[in-house]
Amino acid sequence: MMFRTLGRRAAPVALLALAALSGPARAAATPTDPTGTYLTEDGRARVRLEKCGAQNDRLCGYVVWLKVPLSDKGEPRVDFKNPDPKKQTRPSLGHQLIMGLKPNDDARYEGQIYNSEDGKFYKVTIWTEAPNELTVKGCLIAFLCKSQTWNKVTDLVPGQLGGPTNGANGPRTDPEYMPAKAPTAAAGKPPAGKPASKPATTGTAPAAE
């Protein structure tokens, strides 16, 4: 008798759950655009965030200013702890640290961030809720995460890279995240949709197009 009563009460709840599942799927919210330049919470660097990727829907970030740009030897700091030997001599100023983050279902950007202090990559989630503030949550492992607040800046201080990415006086994209080049037409072949022009007959001017 008890099991029958519980079954009758549970039936409406189950029907409601099925109705919710069969309803229209909710579209994922679009993250608030976080592009701009931010001063890190410890004040040691400025990071510029930009849209990137073939569809311009990813988020990349670059170090454009360092509070201490020189090493103890008085030389520009380099990324000597990078696991890639080819990158160990690149300047720390201007390197890419935020690696093409993707928007997620929570209207935030998530992916990987590179820490040049230990040469390791960490999981990161980035979002903005308050004006001129960016929340950066990095995770070494699933249950060991820490959040920082970066503040947006609009001025240009001495030593800051102000040029366009991959341009003069600008930061540099890692080769893995370089935008794909548009395909070029094969040599000797006309562009798609345009017929090849016929060679002109000797002694006759070619017809005007």
N, C-alpha and C. Protein backbone atom coordinates (compact mmCIF):
# COMPACT_ATOMS: atom_id res chain seq x y z
N MET A 1 0.84 -1.20 0.00
CA MET A 1 0.00 0.00 0.00
C MET A 1 0.87 1.24 0.00
N MET A 2 1.95 1.24 0.79
CA MET A 2 2.84 2.39 0.87
C MET A 2 3.51 2.65 -0.48
N PHE A 3 3.96 1.62 -1.19
CA PHE A 3 4.64 1.80 -2.47
C PHE A 3 3.70 2.37 -3.52
N ARG A 4 2.42 1.97 -3.49
CA ARG A 4 1.44 2.49 -4.44
C ARG A 4 1.23 3.99 -4.23
N THR A 5 1.17 4.41 -2.96
CA THR A 5 0.96 5.82 -2.66
C THR A 5 2.13 6.65 -3.13
N LEU A 6 3.36 6.19 -2.85
CA LEU A 6 4.53 6.93 -3.30
C LEU A 6 4.60 7.01 -4.81
N GLY A 7 4.20 5.96 -5.50
CA GLY A 7 4.22 5.96 -6.95
C GLY A 7 3.26 6.99 -7.52
N ARG A 8 2.06 7.13 -6.92
CA ARG A 8 1.09 8.10 -7.41
C ARG A 8 1.57 9.52 -7.21
N ARG A 9 2.26 9.77 -6.09
CA ARG A 9 2.76 11.12 -5.84
C ARG A 9 3.93 11.47 -6.75
N ALA A 10 4.75 10.48 -7.04
CA ALA A 10 5.93 10.73 -7.86
C ALA A 10 5.58 10.94 -9.32
N ALA A 11 4.43 10.41 -9.77
CA ALA A 11 4.09 10.48 -11.19
C ALA A 11 4.02 11.90 -11.72
N PRO A 12 3.32 12.84 -11.06
CA PRO A 12 3.27 14.21 -11.59
C PRO A 12 4.65 14.84 -11.70
N VAL A 13 5.54 14.57 -10.72
CA VAL A 13 6.88 15.13 -10.76
C VAL A 13 7.65 14.61 -11.96
N ALA A 14 7.52 13.31 -12.22
CA ALA A 14 8.21 12.71 -13.37
C ALA A 14 7.69 13.30 -14.67
N LEU A 15 6.37 13.52 -14.76
CA LEU A 15 5.81 14.09 -15.97
C LEU A 15 6.31 15.50 -16.20
N LEU A 16 6.43 16.29 -15.13
CA LEU A 16 6.94 17.65 -15.25
C LEU A 16 8.39 17.64 -15.73
N ALA A 17 9.18 16.71 -15.21
CA ALA A 17 10.58 16.62 -15.64
C ALA A 17 10.69 16.26 -17.10
N LEU A 18 9.86 15.34 -17.55
CA LEU A 18 9.87 14.97 -18.96
C LEU A 18 9.44 16.12 -19.84
N ALA A 19 8.46 16.89 -19.39
CA ALA A 19 8.00 18.04 -20.17
C ALA A 19 9.10 19.07 -20.30
N ALA A 20 9.87 19.27 -19.21
CA ALA A 20 10.97 20.24 -19.26
C ALA A 20 12.05 19.80 -20.23
N LEU A 21 12.33 18.49 -20.22
CA LEU A 21 13.36 17.99 -21.13
C LEU A 21 12.94 18.07 -22.58
N SER A 22 11.65 17.90 -22.83
CA SER A 22 11.18 17.91 -24.20
C SER A 22 10.95 19.32 -24.73
N GLY A 23 11.06 20.35 -23.85
CA GLY A 23 10.85 21.73 -24.27
C GLY A 23 12.02 22.21 -25.12
N PRO A 24 11.91 23.42 -25.67
CA PRO A 24 12.99 23.95 -26.50
C PRO A 24 14.26 24.18 -25.71
N ALA A 25 15.40 23.85 -26.30
CA ALA A 25 16.70 24.00 -25.62
C ALA A 25 17.02 25.48 -25.48
N ARG A 26 17.55 25.85 -24.32
CA ARG A 26 17.91 27.25 -24.08
C ARG A 26 19.26 27.54 -24.72
N ALA A 27 19.32 28.60 -25.49
CA ALA A 27 20.57 28.97 -26.15
C ALA A 27 21.57 29.47 -25.12
N ALA A 28 22.84 29.14 -25.34
CA ALA A 28 23.89 29.57 -24.43
C ALA A 28 24.04 31.09 -24.50
N ALA A 29 24.18 31.73 -23.35
CA ALA A 29 24.31 33.17 -23.30
C ALA A 29 25.66 33.59 -23.87
N THR A 30 25.69 34.76 -24.49
CA THR A 30 26.93 35.29 -25.05
C THR A 30 27.71 36.01 -23.96
N PRO A 31 29.00 35.70 -23.80
CA PRO A 31 29.78 36.37 -22.76
C PRO A 31 29.89 37.87 -23.02
N THR A 32 29.95 38.65 -21.94
CA THR A 32 30.21 40.08 -22.06
C THR A 32 31.62 40.27 -22.63
N ASP A 33 31.74 41.15 -23.59
CA ASP A 33 33.03 41.37 -24.25
C ASP A 33 34.06 41.90 -23.25
N PRO A 34 35.13 41.13 -22.98
CA PRO A 34 36.13 41.58 -22.01
C PRO A 34 37.37 42.21 -22.63
N THR A 35 37.34 42.48 -23.93
CA THR A 35 38.55 42.98 -24.59
C THR A 35 38.99 44.31 -23.99
N GLY A 36 40.30 44.51 -23.99
CA GLY A 36 40.89 45.71 -23.42
C GLY A 36 42.19 45.37 -22.73
N THR A 37 42.77 46.35 -22.05
CA THR A 37 44.03 46.14 -21.33
C THR A 37 43.77 46.21 -19.84
N TYR A 38 44.35 45.26 -19.10
CA TYR A 38 44.10 45.13 -17.66
C TYR A 38 45.41 45.07 -16.88
N LEU A 39 45.39 45.68 -15.69
CA LEU A 39 46.49 45.57 -14.76
C LEU A 39 46.22 44.39 -13.85
N THR A 40 47.17 43.47 -13.77
CA THR A 40 46.98 42.28 -12.94
C THR A 40 46.85 42.66 -11.47
N GLU A 41 46.29 41.76 -10.69
CA GLU A 41 46.00 42.07 -9.29
C GLU A 41 47.25 42.43 -8.50
N ASP A 42 48.38 41.80 -8.82
CA ASP A 42 49.61 42.10 -8.10
C ASP A 42 50.35 43.32 -8.66
N GLY A 43 49.82 43.91 -9.75
CA GLY A 43 50.41 45.11 -10.31
C GLY A 43 51.70 44.90 -11.07
N ARG A 44 52.02 43.65 -11.37
CA ARG A 44 53.31 43.36 -11.99
C ARG A 44 53.27 43.35 -13.52
N ALA A 45 52.07 43.34 -14.09
CA ALA A 45 51.99 43.27 -15.55
C ALA A 45 50.68 43.87 -16.03
N ARG A 46 50.69 44.28 -17.28
CA ARG A 46 49.47 44.67 -17.98
C ARG A 46 49.24 43.65 -19.11
N VAL A 47 48.01 43.22 -19.23
CA VAL A 47 47.66 42.18 -20.20
C VAL A 47 46.58 42.72 -21.13
N ARG A 48 46.82 42.59 -22.42
CA ARG A 48 45.84 43.04 -23.40
C ARG A 48 45.06 41.85 -23.93
N LEU A 49 43.74 41.92 -23.83
CA LEU A 49 42.85 40.87 -24.32
C LEU A 49 42.24 41.29 -25.64
N GLU A 50 42.23 40.34 -26.59
CA GLU A 50 41.69 40.60 -27.92
C GLU A 50 40.90 39.39 -28.40
N LYS A 51 39.94 39.62 -29.27
CA LYS A 51 39.27 38.52 -29.95
C LYS A 51 40.24 37.93 -30.96
N CYS A 52 40.17 36.62 -31.15
CA CYS A 52 41.09 35.95 -32.05
C CYS A 52 40.42 34.71 -32.62
N GLY A 53 41.14 33.97 -33.44
CA GLY A 53 40.60 32.76 -34.04
C GLY A 53 40.01 33.03 -35.41
N ALA A 54 39.81 31.97 -36.18
CA ALA A 54 39.29 32.09 -37.55
C ALA A 54 37.92 32.75 -37.58
N GLN A 55 37.09 32.49 -36.56
CA GLN A 55 35.75 33.07 -36.49
C GLN A 55 35.71 34.30 -35.57
N ASN A 56 36.85 34.72 -35.08
CA ASN A 56 36.93 35.86 -34.16
C ASN A 56 36.04 35.68 -32.93
N ASP A 57 35.92 34.42 -32.47
CA ASP A 57 35.08 34.12 -31.32
C ASP A 57 35.89 33.61 -30.13
N ARG A 58 37.21 33.58 -30.27
CA ARG A 58 38.08 33.17 -29.18
C ARG A 58 38.65 34.41 -28.47
N LEU A 59 39.34 34.17 -27.37
CA LEU A 59 39.93 35.27 -26.61
C LEU A 59 41.40 34.97 -26.38
N CYS A 60 42.27 35.88 -26.81
CA CYS A 60 43.71 35.75 -26.62
C CYS A 60 44.20 36.91 -25.77
N GLY A 61 45.30 36.69 -25.07
CA GLY A 61 45.85 37.74 -24.21
C GLY A 61 47.35 37.80 -24.29
N TYR A 62 47.90 39.02 -24.17
CA TYR A 62 49.33 39.25 -24.34
C TYR A 62 49.84 40.17 -23.23
N VAL A 63 51.07 39.93 -22.79
CA VAL A 63 51.72 40.80 -21.82
C VAL A 63 52.26 42.02 -22.57
N VAL A 64 51.72 43.19 -22.27
CA VAL A 64 52.16 44.40 -22.99
C VAL A 64 52.95 45.36 -22.11
N TRP A 65 53.08 45.02 -20.81
CA TRP A 65 53.89 45.86 -19.90
C TRP A 65 54.30 45.04 -18.71
N LEU A 66 55.54 45.25 -18.27
CA LEU A 66 56.07 44.59 -17.08
C LEU A 66 56.60 45.64 -16.12
N LYS A 67 56.26 45.48 -14.86
CA LYS A 67 56.76 46.41 -13.85
C LYS A 67 58.27 46.31 -13.73
N VAL A 68 58.79 45.07 -13.86
CA VAL A 68 60.24 44.85 -13.82
C VAL A 68 60.62 44.16 -15.14
N PRO A 69 60.92 44.93 -16.17
CA PRO A 69 61.19 44.33 -17.48
C PRO A 69 62.59 43.76 -17.63
N LEU A 70 63.50 44.08 -16.70
CA LEU A 70 64.89 43.64 -16.82
C LEU A 70 65.23 42.60 -15.77
N SER A 71 66.15 41.72 -16.11
CA SER A 71 66.62 40.69 -15.18
C SER A 71 67.64 41.29 -14.22
N ASP A 72 68.15 40.45 -13.31
CA ASP A 72 69.17 40.92 -12.37
C ASP A 72 70.45 41.34 -13.09
N LYS A 73 70.63 40.85 -14.30
CA LYS A 73 71.81 41.22 -15.09
C LYS A 73 71.59 42.49 -15.90
N GLY A 74 70.40 43.07 -15.77
CA GLY A 74 70.11 44.29 -16.52
C GLY A 74 69.71 44.04 -17.96
N GLU A 75 69.37 42.81 -18.27
CA GLU A 75 68.97 42.45 -19.63
C GLU A 75 67.47 42.21 -19.68
N PRO A 76 66.83 42.39 -20.85
CA PRO A 76 65.38 42.13 -20.97
C PRO A 76 65.06 40.70 -20.55
N ARG A 77 64.01 40.55 -19.77
CA ARG A 77 63.61 39.22 -19.31
C ARG A 77 63.20 38.35 -20.49
N VAL A 78 63.53 37.06 -20.39
CA VAL A 78 63.16 36.11 -21.43
C VAL A 78 62.39 34.96 -20.79
N ASP A 79 61.71 34.21 -21.62
CA ASP A 79 60.84 33.11 -21.17
C ASP A 79 61.65 31.82 -21.01
N PHE A 80 62.68 31.85 -20.13
CA PHE A 80 63.65 30.74 -20.08
C PHE A 80 63.07 29.47 -19.46
N LYS A 81 61.93 29.54 -18.80
CA LYS A 81 61.33 28.33 -18.21
C LYS A 81 60.31 27.67 -19.13
N ASN A 82 60.15 28.20 -20.32
CA ASN A 82 59.19 27.62 -21.26
C ASN A 82 59.58 26.18 -21.60
N PRO A 83 58.63 25.25 -21.60
CA PRO A 83 58.97 23.85 -21.94
C PRO A 83 59.40 23.67 -23.39
N ASP A 84 59.09 24.65 -24.24
CA ASP A 84 59.50 24.57 -25.65
C ASP A 84 60.85 25.28 -25.80
N PRO A 85 61.91 24.53 -26.09
CA PRO A 85 63.24 25.14 -26.20
C PRO A 85 63.30 26.31 -27.18
N LYS A 86 62.47 26.28 -28.21
CA LYS A 86 62.48 27.35 -29.21
C LYS A 86 61.96 28.67 -28.65
N LYS A 87 61.24 28.61 -27.53
CA LYS A 87 60.65 29.83 -26.97
C LYS A 87 61.40 30.33 -25.74
N GLN A 88 62.45 29.64 -25.35
CA GLN A 88 63.14 29.99 -24.11
C GLN A 88 63.95 31.27 -24.20
N THR A 89 64.19 31.75 -25.41
CA THR A 89 64.94 33.00 -25.57
C THR A 89 64.04 34.15 -26.01
N ARG A 90 62.76 33.91 -26.11
CA ARG A 90 61.87 35.00 -26.53
C ARG A 90 61.67 35.98 -25.38
N PRO A 91 61.47 37.27 -25.67
CA PRO A 91 61.26 38.25 -24.61
C PRO A 91 59.98 37.96 -23.83
N SER A 92 60.03 38.17 -22.53
CA SER A 92 58.82 38.02 -21.71
C SER A 92 57.81 39.11 -22.05
N LEU A 93 58.30 40.29 -22.34
CA LEU A 93 57.42 41.38 -22.73
C LEU A 93 56.89 41.12 -24.14
N GLY A 94 55.58 41.00 -24.25
CA GLY A 94 54.96 40.79 -25.55
C GLY A 94 54.56 39.36 -25.83
N HIS A 95 54.86 38.43 -24.92
CA HIS A 95 54.51 37.04 -25.20
C HIS A 95 53.02 36.79 -24.95
N GLN A 96 52.50 35.76 -25.57
CA GLN A 96 51.09 35.39 -25.41
C GLN A 96 50.94 34.48 -24.19
N LEU A 97 50.00 34.82 -23.31
CA LEU A 97 49.78 33.98 -22.14
C LEU A 97 48.36 33.42 -22.07
N ILE A 98 47.41 34.03 -22.78
CA ILE A 98 46.04 33.52 -22.80
C ILE A 98 45.79 32.92 -24.17
N MET A 99 45.45 31.63 -24.19
CA MET A 99 45.53 30.82 -25.39
C MET A 99 44.18 30.51 -26.04
N GLY A 100 43.62 31.45 -26.73
CA GLY A 100 42.42 31.17 -27.52
C GLY A 100 41.27 30.60 -26.71
N LEU A 101 40.87 31.28 -25.65
CA LEU A 101 39.79 30.78 -24.80
C LEU A 101 38.47 30.72 -25.57
N LYS A 102 37.66 29.71 -25.25
CA LYS A 102 36.37 29.52 -25.90
C LYS A 102 35.24 29.96 -24.97
N PRO A 103 34.16 30.52 -25.51
CA PRO A 103 32.99 30.82 -24.67
C PRO A 103 32.33 29.53 -24.21
N ASN A 104 31.88 29.48 -22.96
CA ASN A 104 31.21 28.29 -22.46
C ASN A 104 29.72 28.56 -22.21
N ASP A 105 29.02 27.58 -21.66
CA ASP A 105 27.58 27.70 -21.45
C ASP A 105 27.22 28.66 -20.32
N ASP A 106 28.22 29.05 -19.52
CA ASP A 106 27.98 29.98 -18.42
C ASP A 106 28.28 31.42 -18.80
N ALA A 107 28.40 31.68 -20.10
CA ALA A 107 28.70 33.03 -20.60
C ALA A 107 30.05 33.52 -20.09
N ARG A 108 31.01 32.62 -20.06
CA ARG A 108 32.37 32.95 -19.67
C ARG A 108 33.33 32.36 -20.69
N TYR A 109 34.57 32.79 -20.65
CA TYR A 109 35.60 32.22 -21.53
C TYR A 109 36.47 31.28 -20.73
N GLU A 110 36.78 30.12 -21.31
CA GLU A 110 37.60 29.15 -20.60
C GLU A 110 38.61 28.51 -21.55
N GLY A 111 39.70 28.06 -20.95
CA GLY A 111 40.77 27.43 -21.74
C GLY A 111 42.03 27.36 -20.92
N GLN A 112 43.15 27.78 -21.53
CA GLN A 112 44.44 27.69 -20.86
C GLN A 112 45.12 29.04 -20.74
N ILE A 113 45.86 29.19 -19.64
CA ILE A 113 46.71 30.37 -19.45
C ILE A 113 48.12 29.88 -19.16
N TYR A 114 49.09 30.60 -19.69
CA TYR A 114 50.49 30.20 -19.51
C TYR A 114 51.13 31.09 -18.45
N ASN A 115 51.84 30.46 -17.51
CA ASN A 115 52.54 31.19 -16.45
C ASN A 115 54.04 31.09 -16.71
N SER A 116 54.63 32.21 -17.12
CA SER A 116 56.05 32.20 -17.47
C SER A 116 56.93 32.05 -16.24
N GLU A 117 56.39 32.25 -15.04
CA GLU A 117 57.20 32.12 -13.83
C GLU A 117 57.58 30.67 -13.54
N ASP A 118 56.74 29.74 -13.97
CA ASP A 118 57.08 28.33 -13.77
C ASP A 118 57.04 27.52 -15.07
N GLY A 119 56.71 28.18 -16.19
CA GLY A 119 56.69 27.50 -17.48
C GLY A 119 55.60 26.47 -17.62
N LYS A 120 54.47 26.68 -16.91
CA LYS A 120 53.38 25.70 -16.95
C LYS A 120 52.08 26.34 -17.43
N PHE A 121 51.20 25.48 -17.94
CA PHE A 121 49.87 25.91 -18.38
C PHE A 121 48.84 25.52 -17.32
N TYR A 122 47.85 26.39 -17.14
CA TYR A 122 46.80 26.13 -16.17
C TYR A 122 45.45 26.36 -16.81
N LYS A 123 44.45 25.68 -16.27
CA LYS A 123 43.08 25.93 -16.71
C LYS A 123 42.64 27.29 -16.18
N VAL A 124 41.93 28.03 -17.01
CA VAL A 124 41.51 29.36 -16.59
C VAL A 124 40.11 29.66 -17.11
N THR A 125 39.37 30.42 -16.32
CA THR A 125 38.07 30.92 -16.73
C THR A 125 38.08 32.43 -16.52
N ILE A 126 37.60 33.17 -17.51
CA ILE A 126 37.63 34.63 -17.47
C ILE A 126 36.23 35.17 -17.74
N TRP A 127 35.83 36.14 -16.97
CA TRP A 127 34.55 36.80 -17.23
C TRP A 127 34.56 38.19 -16.61
N THR A 128 33.62 39.01 -17.02
CA THR A 128 33.49 40.36 -16.47
C THR A 128 32.04 40.61 -16.10
N GLU A 129 31.83 41.11 -14.91
CA GLU A 129 30.50 41.44 -14.41
C GLU A 129 30.40 42.91 -14.01
N ALA A 130 31.44 43.41 -13.35
CA ALA A 130 31.47 44.81 -12.95
C ALA A 130 32.22 45.63 -14.00
N PRO A 131 31.81 46.87 -14.24
CA PRO A 131 32.51 47.71 -15.22
C PRO A 131 33.99 47.85 -14.87
N ASN A 132 34.83 47.70 -15.88
CA ASN A 132 36.28 47.90 -15.75
C ASN A 132 36.97 46.88 -14.84
N GLU A 133 36.30 45.75 -14.59
CA GLU A 133 36.92 44.69 -13.80
C GLU A 133 36.83 43.36 -14.53
N LEU A 134 37.87 42.56 -14.37
CA LEU A 134 37.92 41.24 -14.99
C LEU A 134 38.21 40.21 -13.90
N THR A 135 37.43 39.16 -13.87
CA THR A 135 37.68 38.07 -12.93
C THR A 135 38.43 36.96 -13.66
N VAL A 136 39.55 36.56 -13.10
CA VAL A 136 40.39 35.52 -13.69
C VAL A 136 40.51 34.40 -12.67
N LYS A 137 39.97 33.23 -13.01
CA LYS A 137 39.98 32.09 -12.10
C LYS A 137 40.85 31.00 -12.70
N GLY A 138 41.99 30.76 -12.06
CA GLY A 138 42.91 29.74 -12.54
C GLY A 138 42.89 28.51 -11.66
N CYS A 139 43.01 27.35 -12.29
CA CYS A 139 42.94 26.08 -11.55
C CYS A 139 44.12 25.19 -11.90
N LEU A 140 44.87 24.80 -10.86
CA LEU A 140 45.95 23.83 -11.05
C LEU A 140 45.35 22.44 -11.21
N ILE A 141 44.37 22.13 -10.35
CA ILE A 141 43.57 20.92 -10.46
C ILE A 141 42.14 21.30 -10.12
N ALA A 142 41.22 20.37 -10.30
CA ALA A 142 39.79 20.69 -10.21
C ALA A 142 39.41 21.36 -8.89
N PHE A 143 40.03 20.94 -7.78
CA PHE A 143 39.61 21.48 -6.49
C PHE A 143 40.60 22.50 -5.92
N LEU A 144 41.58 22.91 -6.72
CA LEU A 144 42.55 23.90 -6.26
C LEU A 144 42.53 25.08 -7.24
N CYS A 145 41.63 26.00 -6.98
CA CYS A 145 41.44 27.14 -7.86
C CYS A 145 41.55 28.44 -7.07
N LYS A 146 41.94 29.51 -7.73
CA LYS A 146 42.07 30.81 -7.09
C LYS A 146 41.63 31.88 -8.08
N SER A 147 40.91 32.86 -7.58
CA SER A 147 40.41 33.94 -8.43
C SER A 147 41.18 35.23 -8.16
N GLN A 148 41.37 36.01 -9.22
CA GLN A 148 41.97 37.33 -9.12
C GLN A 148 41.06 38.34 -9.81
N THR A 149 41.21 39.59 -9.41
CA THR A 149 40.50 40.68 -10.08
C THR A 149 41.52 41.57 -10.76
N TRP A 150 41.38 41.71 -12.08
CA TRP A 150 42.24 42.61 -12.84
C TRP A 150 41.44 43.86 -13.17
N ASN A 151 42.09 45.02 -13.09
CA ASN A 151 41.43 46.29 -13.35
C ASN A 151 41.79 46.84 -14.72
N LYS A 152 40.79 47.32 -15.42
CA LYS A 152 40.99 47.84 -16.78
C LYS A 152 41.71 49.17 -16.74
N VAL A 153 42.63 49.36 -17.67
CA VAL A 153 43.38 50.62 -17.79
C VAL A 153 43.26 51.12 -19.22
N THR A 154 43.32 52.43 -19.36
CA THR A 154 43.18 53.02 -20.70
C THR A 154 44.38 53.90 -21.06
N ASP A 155 45.27 54.14 -20.08
CA ASP A 155 46.42 54.97 -20.37
C ASP A 155 47.56 54.13 -20.94
N LEU A 156 48.59 54.82 -21.41
CA LEU A 156 49.77 54.15 -21.96
C LEU A 156 50.97 54.60 -21.13
N VAL A 157 51.56 53.68 -20.40
CA VAL A 157 52.67 54.03 -19.52
C VAL A 157 54.00 53.73 -20.22
N PRO A 158 55.09 54.35 -19.76
CA PRO A 158 56.40 54.09 -20.37
C PRO A 158 56.74 52.61 -20.35
N GLY A 159 57.24 52.13 -21.47
CA GLY A 159 57.61 50.73 -21.59
C GLY A 159 56.48 49.82 -22.04
N GLN A 160 55.28 50.36 -22.21
CA GLN A 160 54.15 49.53 -22.62
C GLN A 160 54.10 49.41 -24.14
N LEU A 161 53.81 48.20 -24.61
CA LEU A 161 53.66 47.97 -26.05
C LEU A 161 52.29 48.50 -26.48
N GLY A 162 52.31 49.47 -27.39
CA GLY A 162 51.05 50.07 -27.83
C GLY A 162 50.69 49.76 -29.25
N GLY A 163 51.56 49.03 -29.96
CA GLY A 163 51.31 48.73 -31.36
C GLY A 163 50.38 47.54 -31.53
N PRO A 164 49.95 47.28 -32.77
CA PRO A 164 49.05 46.16 -33.04
C PRO A 164 49.74 44.83 -32.84
N THR A 165 48.98 43.81 -32.54
CA THR A 165 49.53 42.48 -32.36
C THR A 165 50.23 42.01 -33.63
N ASN A 166 51.45 41.53 -33.48
CA ASN A 166 52.31 41.08 -34.58
C ASN A 166 52.77 42.22 -35.48
N GLY A 167 52.58 43.46 -35.01
CA GLY A 167 53.04 44.62 -35.76
C GLY A 167 54.14 45.34 -35.00
N ALA A 168 54.51 46.52 -35.50
CA ALA A 168 55.57 47.30 -34.87
C ALA A 168 55.16 47.69 -33.45
N ASN A 169 56.08 47.50 -32.51
CA ASN A 169 55.86 47.82 -31.09
C ASN A 169 54.60 47.16 -30.53
N GLY A 170 54.34 45.93 -30.98
CA GLY A 170 53.18 45.20 -30.49
C GLY A 170 53.56 43.82 -30.00
N PRO A 171 52.67 43.16 -29.30
CA PRO A 171 52.94 41.79 -28.81
C PRO A 171 52.93 40.79 -29.95
N ARG A 172 53.30 39.56 -29.65
CA ARG A 172 53.43 38.54 -30.69
C ARG A 172 52.57 37.31 -30.37
N THR A 173 51.89 36.84 -31.39
CA THR A 173 51.07 35.64 -31.24
C THR A 173 51.94 34.39 -31.32
N ASP A 174 51.67 33.42 -30.45
CA ASP A 174 52.34 32.13 -30.56
C ASP A 174 52.01 31.53 -31.93
N PRO A 175 52.96 30.85 -32.57
CA PRO A 175 52.69 30.27 -33.88
C PRO A 175 51.46 29.37 -33.91
N GLU A 176 51.20 28.67 -32.80
CA GLU A 176 50.05 27.76 -32.75
C GLU A 176 48.72 28.50 -32.83
N TYR A 177 48.73 29.79 -32.52
CA TYR A 177 47.48 30.55 -32.48
C TYR A 177 47.44 31.64 -33.54
N MET A 178 48.37 31.57 -34.49
CA MET A 178 48.35 32.54 -35.59
C MET A 178 47.08 32.35 -36.40
N PRO A 179 46.44 33.45 -36.85
CA PRO A 179 45.25 33.31 -37.69
C PRO A 179 45.58 32.61 -38.99
N ALA A 180 44.67 31.77 -39.45
CA ALA A 180 44.88 31.03 -40.69
C ALA A 180 44.91 31.99 -41.87
N LYS A 181 45.82 31.73 -42.80
CA LYS A 181 45.91 32.56 -43.99
C LYS A 181 44.86 32.15 -45.00
N ALA A 182 44.31 33.14 -45.69
CA ALA A 182 43.31 32.86 -46.71
C ALA A 182 43.97 32.12 -47.87
N PRO A 183 43.32 31.09 -48.43
CA PRO A 183 43.92 30.35 -49.54
C PRO A 183 44.05 31.23 -50.77
N THR A 184 45.14 31.06 -51.47
CA THR A 184 45.37 31.83 -52.69
C THR A 184 45.10 30.97 -53.91
N ALA A 185 44.71 31.63 -55.01
CA ALA A 185 44.41 30.90 -56.24
C ALA A 185 45.69 30.28 -56.79
N ALA A 186 45.58 29.07 -57.30
CA ALA A 186 46.75 28.38 -57.85
C ALA A 186 47.28 29.14 -59.05
N ALA A 187 48.58 29.14 -59.20
CA ALA A 187 49.22 29.86 -60.30
C ALA A 187 48.72 29.31 -61.63
N GLY A 188 48.37 30.23 -62.54
CA GLY A 188 47.92 29.82 -63.86
C GLY A 188 46.46 29.47 -63.93
N LYS A 189 45.72 29.51 -62.81
CA LYS A 189 44.30 29.19 -62.80
C LYS A 189 43.49 30.43 -62.47
N PRO A 190 42.39 30.66 -63.15
CA PRO A 190 41.58 31.83 -62.87
C PRO A 190 40.83 31.64 -61.56
N PRO A 191 40.42 32.74 -60.89
CA PRO A 191 39.62 32.61 -59.67
C PRO A 191 38.33 31.88 -59.96
N ALA A 192 37.77 31.24 -58.93
CA ALA A 192 36.54 30.48 -59.10
C ALA A 192 35.43 31.36 -59.61
N GLY A 193 34.67 30.87 -60.57
CA GLY A 193 33.53 31.61 -61.10
C GLY A 193 33.89 32.52 -62.26
N LYS A 194 35.17 32.65 -62.58
CA LYS A 194 35.58 33.52 -63.68
C LYS A 194 36.28 32.68 -64.73
N PRO A 195 35.76 32.65 -65.96
CA PRO A 195 36.39 31.83 -67.01
C PRO A 195 37.74 32.39 -67.41
N ALA A 196 38.58 31.50 -67.88
CA ALA A 196 39.90 31.93 -68.34
C ALA A 196 39.75 32.75 -69.61
N SER A 197 40.54 33.82 -69.72
CA SER A 197 40.48 34.66 -70.91
C SER A 197 41.16 33.96 -72.07
N LYS A 198 40.62 34.13 -73.26
CA LYS A 198 41.19 33.50 -74.45
C LYS A 198 42.37 34.32 -74.95
N PRO A 199 43.39 33.64 -75.43
CA PRO A 199 44.55 34.39 -75.96
C PRO A 199 44.14 35.22 -77.16
N ALA A 200 44.72 36.40 -77.25
CA ALA A 200 44.37 37.31 -78.36
C ALA A 200 44.88 36.75 -79.67
N THR A 201 44.09 36.92 -80.74
CA THR A 201 44.49 36.48 -82.08
C THR A 201 45.52 37.45 -82.64
N THR A 202 46.51 36.94 -83.31
CA THR A 202 47.58 37.79 -83.86
C THR A 202 47.00 38.85 -84.78
N GLY A 203 47.38 40.09 -84.52
CA GLY A 203 46.92 41.19 -85.38
C GLY A 203 45.55 41.70 -84.98
N THR A 204 44.93 41.14 -83.99
CA THR A 204 43.59 41.60 -83.56
C THR A 204 43.64 42.01 -82.11
N ALA A 205 43.11 43.18 -81.79
CA ALA A 205 43.10 43.66 -80.41
C ALA A 205 42.15 42.79 -79.60
N PRO A 206 42.49 42.50 -78.34
CA PRO A 206 41.59 41.68 -77.51
C PRO A 206 40.30 42.41 -77.23
N ALA A 207 39.23 41.66 -77.13
CA ALA A 207 37.94 42.27 -76.87
C ALA A 207 37.90 42.89 -75.49
N ALA A 208 37.24 44.02 -75.37
CA ALA A 208 37.15 44.70 -74.07
C ALA A 208 36.24 43.91 -73.16
N GLU A 209 36.58 43.85 -71.87
CA GLU A 209 35.77 43.10 -70.91
C GLU A 209 34.60 43.95 -70.44
